[in-house]
Amino acid sequence: MKEEAFELDGVVSEVLPSAMFRVDLSNGQKLLATAAGKMRKFRIRIIAGDRVTVAVSPYDLGRGIITFRHKS
């Protein structure tokens, strides 16, 4: 039985190579996230300091997928 990913809000603290990002979550944790496929397809730029929504799997809480970049 597959469990659904849950979404958390955070702020991008560091931009890493290969479309990877270090995200500081609102609960104080840090995780490694990558941009979702649709964000790459439509070339949505993510820079340090952006507020984002991250989908996190319950199996690996240290990694996630950035699904939305909030407008400032």
Protein backbone atom coordinates (compact mmCIF):
# COMPACT_ATOMS: atom_id res chain seq x y z
CA MET A 1 0.00 0.00 0.00
CA LYS A 2 1.53 3.28 -1.14
CA GLU A 3 1.31 6.24 1.17
CA GLU A 4 0.71 9.73 -0.18
CA ALA A 5 3.31 12.48 0.00
CA PHE A 6 2.51 15.41 2.27
CA GLU A 7 3.16 19.05 1.43
CA LEU A 8 5.14 21.48 3.56
CA ASP A 9 6.06 25.13 3.11
CA GLY A 10 9.62 26.36 3.26
CA VAL A 11 12.23 28.81 1.99
CA VAL A 12 15.04 27.96 -0.43
CA SER A 13 18.30 28.60 1.42
CA GLU A 14 20.82 27.32 -1.13
CA VAL A 15 20.86 26.53 -4.86
CA LEU A 16 22.89 23.43 -5.71
CA PRO A 17 23.96 21.93 -9.07
CA SER A 18 21.66 19.65 -11.12
CA ALA A 19 18.42 21.47 -10.19
CA MET A 20 18.79 20.61 -6.50
CA PHE A 21 17.96 22.98 -3.65
CA ARG A 22 18.47 23.10 0.11
CA VAL A 23 15.12 24.07 1.69
CA ASP A 24 14.51 25.29 5.25
CA LEU A 25 11.04 24.17 6.31
CA SER A 26 8.70 26.17 8.50
CA ASN A 27 9.06 23.57 11.30
CA GLY A 28 12.85 24.13 11.47
CA GLN A 29 14.05 21.08 9.50
CA LYS A 30 16.25 21.21 6.42
CA LEU A 31 15.90 18.96 3.40
CA LEU A 32 17.27 18.41 -0.08
CA ALA A 33 14.73 19.05 -2.85
CA THR A 34 14.59 18.94 -6.62
CA ALA A 35 12.35 20.87 -9.01
CA ALA A 36 9.27 19.03 -10.29
CA GLY A 37 9.10 18.05 -13.95
CA LYS A 38 6.46 20.64 -14.85
CA MET A 39 8.59 23.37 -13.27
CA ARG A 40 11.54 22.30 -15.44
CA LYS A 41 9.34 22.04 -18.54
CA PHE A 42 8.01 25.59 -18.20
CA ARG A 43 11.40 26.90 -17.02
CA ILE A 44 10.19 28.28 -13.69
CA ARG A 45 13.25 29.78 -12.03
CA ILE A 46 13.89 29.14 -8.35
CA ILE A 47 16.43 31.28 -6.52
CA ALA A 48 17.60 31.48 -2.92
CA GLY A 49 15.02 33.19 -0.71
CA ASP A 50 11.95 31.99 -2.65
CA ARG A 51 8.99 30.61 -0.68
CA VAL A 52 8.12 27.14 -2.02
CA THR A 53 5.82 24.19 -1.38
CA VAL A 54 7.62 20.86 -1.10
CA ALA A 55 6.06 17.40 -1.44
CA VAL A 56 7.80 15.03 0.99
CA SER A 57 7.50 11.24 1.00
CA PRO A 58 6.83 9.62 4.39
CA TYR A 59 9.56 7.08 3.60
CA ASP A 60 12.42 9.59 3.24
CA LEU A 61 11.92 12.80 5.21
CA GLY A 62 15.26 14.24 4.09
CA ARG A 63 14.30 14.63 0.41
CA GLY A 64 11.45 16.26 -1.45
CA ILE A 65 10.12 17.69 -4.71
CA ILE A 66 9.40 21.40 -5.12
CA THR A 67 5.91 21.58 -6.59
CA PHE A 68 5.09 25.29 -6.32
CA ARG A 69 6.95 28.62 -6.08
CA HIS A 70 4.94 31.29 -4.27
CA LYS A 71 4.80 34.80 -5.65
CA SER A 72 6.42 37.39 -3.40
